[in-house]
N, C-alpha and C. Protein backbone atom coordinates (compact mmCIF):
# COMPACT_ATOMS: atom_id res chain seq x y z
N MET A 1 -107.71 -167.12 -36.60
CA MET A 1 -108.84 -166.25 -36.29
C MET A 1 -108.40 -164.79 -36.15
N ALA A 2 -107.25 -164.60 -35.50
CA ALA A 2 -106.73 -163.23 -35.33
C ALA A 2 -106.37 -162.63 -36.67
N ASP A 3 -105.83 -163.46 -37.57
CA ASP A 3 -105.48 -162.97 -38.91
C ASP A 3 -106.72 -162.52 -39.67
N LEU A 4 -107.81 -163.23 -39.50
CA LEU A 4 -109.07 -162.87 -40.16
C LEU A 4 -109.60 -161.55 -39.62
N LYS A 5 -109.44 -161.35 -38.31
CA LYS A 5 -109.88 -160.09 -37.70
C LYS A 5 -109.07 -158.92 -38.24
N HIS A 6 -107.77 -159.13 -38.35
CA HIS A 6 -106.90 -158.08 -38.89
C HIS A 6 -107.25 -157.78 -40.34
N LEU A 7 -107.52 -158.83 -41.09
CA LEU A 7 -107.91 -158.65 -42.49
C LEU A 7 -109.22 -157.87 -42.60
N ASP A 8 -110.18 -158.17 -41.72
CA ASP A 8 -111.45 -157.44 -41.71
C ASP A 8 -111.23 -155.97 -41.37
N LEU A 9 -110.35 -155.69 -40.39
CA LEU A 9 -110.05 -154.31 -40.02
C LEU A 9 -109.39 -153.56 -41.18
N ILE A 10 -108.46 -154.23 -41.83
CA ILE A 10 -107.78 -153.60 -42.97
C ILE A 10 -108.78 -153.34 -44.09
N THR A 11 -109.64 -154.32 -44.35
CA THR A 11 -110.66 -154.15 -45.40
C THR A 11 -111.57 -152.98 -45.07
N GLU A 12 -111.99 -152.89 -43.84
CA GLU A 12 -112.87 -151.79 -43.41
C GLU A 12 -112.16 -150.44 -43.59
N ARG A 13 -110.92 -150.36 -43.20
CA ARG A 13 -110.16 -149.11 -43.35
C ARG A 13 -109.99 -148.73 -44.81
N VAL A 14 -109.70 -149.70 -45.65
CA VAL A 14 -109.54 -149.43 -47.08
C VAL A 14 -110.85 -148.93 -47.67
N GLU A 15 -111.96 -149.55 -47.28
CA GLU A 15 -113.27 -149.10 -47.78
C GLU A 15 -113.57 -147.67 -47.33
N ARG A 16 -113.24 -147.36 -46.08
CA ARG A 16 -113.44 -145.98 -45.60
C ARG A 16 -112.55 -145.00 -46.35
N LEU A 17 -111.32 -145.41 -46.61
CA LEU A 17 -110.41 -144.56 -47.37
C LEU A 17 -110.93 -144.31 -48.78
N LEU A 18 -111.47 -145.35 -49.40
CA LEU A 18 -112.03 -145.19 -50.74
C LEU A 18 -113.21 -144.24 -50.74
N LEU A 19 -114.08 -144.37 -49.74
CA LEU A 19 -115.22 -143.45 -49.63
C LEU A 19 -114.74 -142.01 -49.43
N ARG A 20 -113.78 -141.86 -48.57
CA ARG A 20 -113.24 -140.51 -48.30
C ARG A 20 -112.61 -139.94 -49.57
N HIS A 21 -111.91 -140.79 -50.30
CA HIS A 21 -111.29 -140.36 -51.55
C HIS A 21 -112.35 -139.87 -52.53
N GLU A 22 -113.44 -140.60 -52.66
CA GLU A 22 -114.53 -140.20 -53.55
C GLU A 22 -115.14 -138.87 -53.10
N GLU A 23 -115.32 -138.72 -51.79
CA GLU A 23 -115.86 -137.46 -51.26
C GLU A 23 -114.94 -136.30 -51.59
N LEU A 24 -113.66 -136.52 -51.42
CA LEU A 24 -112.69 -135.47 -51.71
C LEU A 24 -112.65 -135.12 -53.20
N GLN A 25 -112.82 -136.12 -54.04
CA GLN A 25 -112.87 -135.86 -55.48
C GLN A 25 -114.08 -135.01 -55.84
N ARG A 26 -115.23 -135.32 -55.24
CA ARG A 26 -116.45 -134.52 -55.49
C ARG A 26 -116.26 -133.10 -54.98
N THR A 27 -115.71 -132.98 -53.78
CA THR A 27 -115.46 -131.64 -53.21
C THR A 27 -114.50 -130.86 -54.09
N ASN A 28 -113.47 -131.52 -54.56
CA ASN A 28 -112.49 -130.85 -55.43
C ASN A 28 -113.14 -130.38 -56.73
N ALA A 29 -114.01 -131.21 -57.31
CA ALA A 29 -114.70 -130.82 -58.54
C ALA A 29 -115.58 -129.59 -58.30
N LEU A 30 -116.28 -129.57 -57.18
CA LEU A 30 -117.12 -128.40 -56.85
C LEU A 30 -116.28 -127.15 -56.65
N LEU A 31 -115.15 -127.32 -55.99
CA LEU A 31 -114.27 -126.17 -55.77
C LEU A 31 -113.68 -125.66 -57.08
N LEU A 32 -113.36 -126.56 -57.99
CA LEU A 32 -112.87 -126.13 -59.30
C LEU A 32 -113.93 -125.35 -60.05
N GLN A 33 -115.19 -125.80 -59.95
CA GLN A 33 -116.28 -125.05 -60.59
C GLN A 33 -116.40 -123.66 -59.99
N GLN A 34 -116.28 -123.57 -58.67
CA GLN A 34 -116.36 -122.26 -58.01
C GLN A 34 -115.22 -121.36 -58.46
N VAL A 35 -114.03 -121.90 -58.55
CA VAL A 35 -112.88 -121.12 -58.98
C VAL A 35 -113.11 -120.59 -60.39
N GLN A 36 -113.58 -121.45 -61.29
CA GLN A 36 -113.84 -121.01 -62.66
C GLN A 36 -114.91 -119.93 -62.70
N SER A 37 -115.95 -120.10 -61.91
CA SER A 37 -117.02 -119.10 -61.86
C SER A 37 -116.49 -117.77 -61.34
N LEU A 38 -115.69 -117.83 -60.29
CA LEU A 38 -115.13 -116.60 -59.72
C LEU A 38 -114.14 -115.93 -60.67
N GLN A 39 -113.39 -116.72 -61.41
CA GLN A 39 -112.47 -116.15 -62.39
C GLN A 39 -113.25 -115.44 -63.50
N THR A 40 -114.35 -116.04 -63.92
CA THR A 40 -115.19 -115.41 -64.94
C THR A 40 -115.77 -114.11 -64.42
N GLU A 41 -116.26 -114.14 -63.18
CA GLU A 41 -116.81 -112.92 -62.57
C GLU A 41 -115.74 -111.85 -62.44
N ARG A 42 -114.53 -112.25 -62.00
CA ARG A 42 -113.43 -111.29 -61.86
C ARG A 42 -113.09 -110.66 -63.20
N ASP A 43 -113.01 -111.47 -64.24
CA ASP A 43 -112.70 -110.94 -65.57
C ASP A 43 -113.76 -109.97 -66.04
N SER A 44 -115.02 -110.30 -65.77
CA SER A 44 -116.12 -109.40 -66.14
C SER A 44 -116.02 -108.07 -65.38
N LEU A 45 -115.72 -108.16 -64.09
CA LEU A 45 -115.60 -106.93 -63.28
C LEU A 45 -114.41 -106.08 -63.74
N LYS A 46 -113.31 -106.75 -64.10
CA LYS A 46 -112.15 -106.01 -64.61
C LYS A 46 -112.52 -105.27 -65.90
N SER A 47 -113.25 -105.96 -66.75
CA SER A 47 -113.66 -105.36 -68.02
C SER A 47 -114.56 -104.15 -67.77
N ARG A 48 -115.51 -104.32 -66.86
CA ARG A 48 -116.41 -103.20 -66.54
C ARG A 48 -115.65 -102.03 -65.93
N LEU A 49 -114.68 -102.34 -65.07
CA LEU A 49 -113.86 -101.29 -64.46
C LEU A 49 -113.07 -100.54 -65.52
N ASN A 50 -112.47 -101.27 -66.44
CA ASN A 50 -111.70 -100.62 -67.51
C ASN A 50 -112.60 -99.74 -68.38
N ALA A 51 -113.81 -100.21 -68.66
CA ALA A 51 -114.75 -99.42 -69.45
C ALA A 51 -115.14 -98.15 -68.70
N ALA A 52 -115.38 -98.28 -67.40
CA ALA A 52 -115.74 -97.10 -66.59
C ALA A 52 -114.57 -96.11 -66.54
N ARG A 53 -113.37 -96.64 -66.41
CA ARG A 53 -112.19 -95.74 -66.41
C ARG A 53 -112.08 -95.00 -67.73
N ALA A 54 -112.31 -95.71 -68.82
CA ALA A 54 -112.24 -95.08 -70.14
C ALA A 54 -113.29 -93.98 -70.27
N ARG A 55 -114.50 -94.25 -69.76
CA ARG A 55 -115.55 -93.22 -69.82
C ARG A 55 -115.18 -92.01 -68.97
N ILE A 56 -114.62 -92.25 -67.80
CA ILE A 56 -114.21 -91.13 -66.93
C ILE A 56 -113.08 -90.34 -67.59
N ASP A 57 -112.11 -91.05 -68.17
CA ASP A 57 -111.02 -90.34 -68.86
C ASP A 57 -111.56 -89.50 -70.00
N ALA A 58 -112.53 -90.03 -70.74
CA ALA A 58 -113.13 -89.27 -71.85
C ALA A 58 -113.84 -88.03 -71.33
N LEU A 59 -114.55 -88.16 -70.21
CA LEU A 59 -115.22 -87.00 -69.62
C LEU A 59 -114.21 -85.97 -69.13
N LEU A 60 -113.13 -86.45 -68.52
CA LEU A 60 -112.10 -85.52 -68.04
C LEU A 60 -111.44 -84.79 -69.20
N ASP A 61 -111.26 -85.49 -70.31
CA ASP A 61 -110.67 -84.84 -71.49
C ASP A 61 -111.57 -83.75 -72.05
N ARG A 62 -112.88 -83.88 -71.83
CA ARG A 62 -113.82 -82.89 -72.35
C ARG A 62 -113.91 -81.65 -71.46
N LEU A 63 -113.42 -81.75 -70.22
CA LEU A 63 -113.46 -80.58 -69.33
C LEU A 63 -112.49 -79.52 -69.82
N PRO A 64 -112.89 -78.25 -69.68
CA PRO A 64 -111.95 -77.20 -70.10
C PRO A 64 -110.74 -77.17 -69.15
N ALA A 65 -109.61 -76.85 -69.71
CA ALA A 65 -108.39 -76.74 -68.89
C ALA A 65 -108.52 -75.50 -68.02
N PRO A 66 -108.06 -75.57 -66.77
CA PRO A 66 -108.14 -74.38 -65.91
C PRO A 66 -107.20 -73.29 -66.42
N ALA A 67 -107.65 -72.06 -66.27
CA ALA A 67 -106.82 -70.92 -66.67
C ALA A 67 -105.64 -70.84 -65.71
N GLU A 68 -104.60 -70.16 -66.14
CA GLU A 68 -103.42 -70.03 -65.27
C GLU A 68 -103.81 -69.36 -63.97
N GLY A 69 -103.32 -69.90 -62.89
CA GLY A 69 -103.62 -69.35 -61.58
C GLY A 69 -104.93 -69.86 -61.01
N GLU A 70 -105.71 -70.60 -61.76
CA GLU A 70 -106.98 -71.14 -61.30
C GLU A 70 -106.81 -72.58 -60.85
N THR A 71 -106.05 -72.78 -59.81
CA THR A 71 -105.87 -74.14 -59.32
C THR A 71 -106.67 -74.41 -58.07
N ALA A 72 -107.20 -73.35 -57.43
CA ALA A 72 -107.97 -73.53 -56.20
C ALA A 72 -109.37 -74.00 -56.54
N SER A 73 -109.92 -74.84 -55.69
CA SER A 73 -111.28 -75.32 -55.91
C SER A 73 -112.27 -74.24 -55.49
N ALA A 74 -113.51 -74.42 -55.85
CA ALA A 74 -114.55 -73.44 -55.52
C ALA A 74 -114.68 -73.28 -54.03
N LYS A 75 -114.54 -74.33 -53.27
CA LYS A 75 -114.65 -74.24 -51.82
C LYS A 75 -113.53 -73.39 -51.23
N GLU A 76 -112.32 -73.52 -51.78
CA GLU A 76 -111.21 -72.75 -51.24
C GLU A 76 -111.38 -71.26 -51.53
N ARG A 77 -112.10 -70.90 -52.58
CA ARG A 77 -112.30 -69.50 -52.93
C ARG A 77 -113.35 -68.84 -52.03
N GLU A 78 -114.20 -69.65 -51.42
CA GLU A 78 -115.29 -69.07 -50.61
C GLU A 78 -114.82 -68.48 -49.34
């Protein structure tokens, strides 16, 4: 009788472990989806940042070069 009780306890524990394992697998799959989504978002943001930097560099290249001795800003001249 005691052996049967032990077997029932072991069976119950194994079933709980299996359920927990399945839960963890589902959680892991969801986390992997989130990671992939965040990586895609990060790559998109990096691309947008690089494009913005390129536009700013192009605008800076279009600015006239300061004349010699003209390194002070307008505020410093006031």
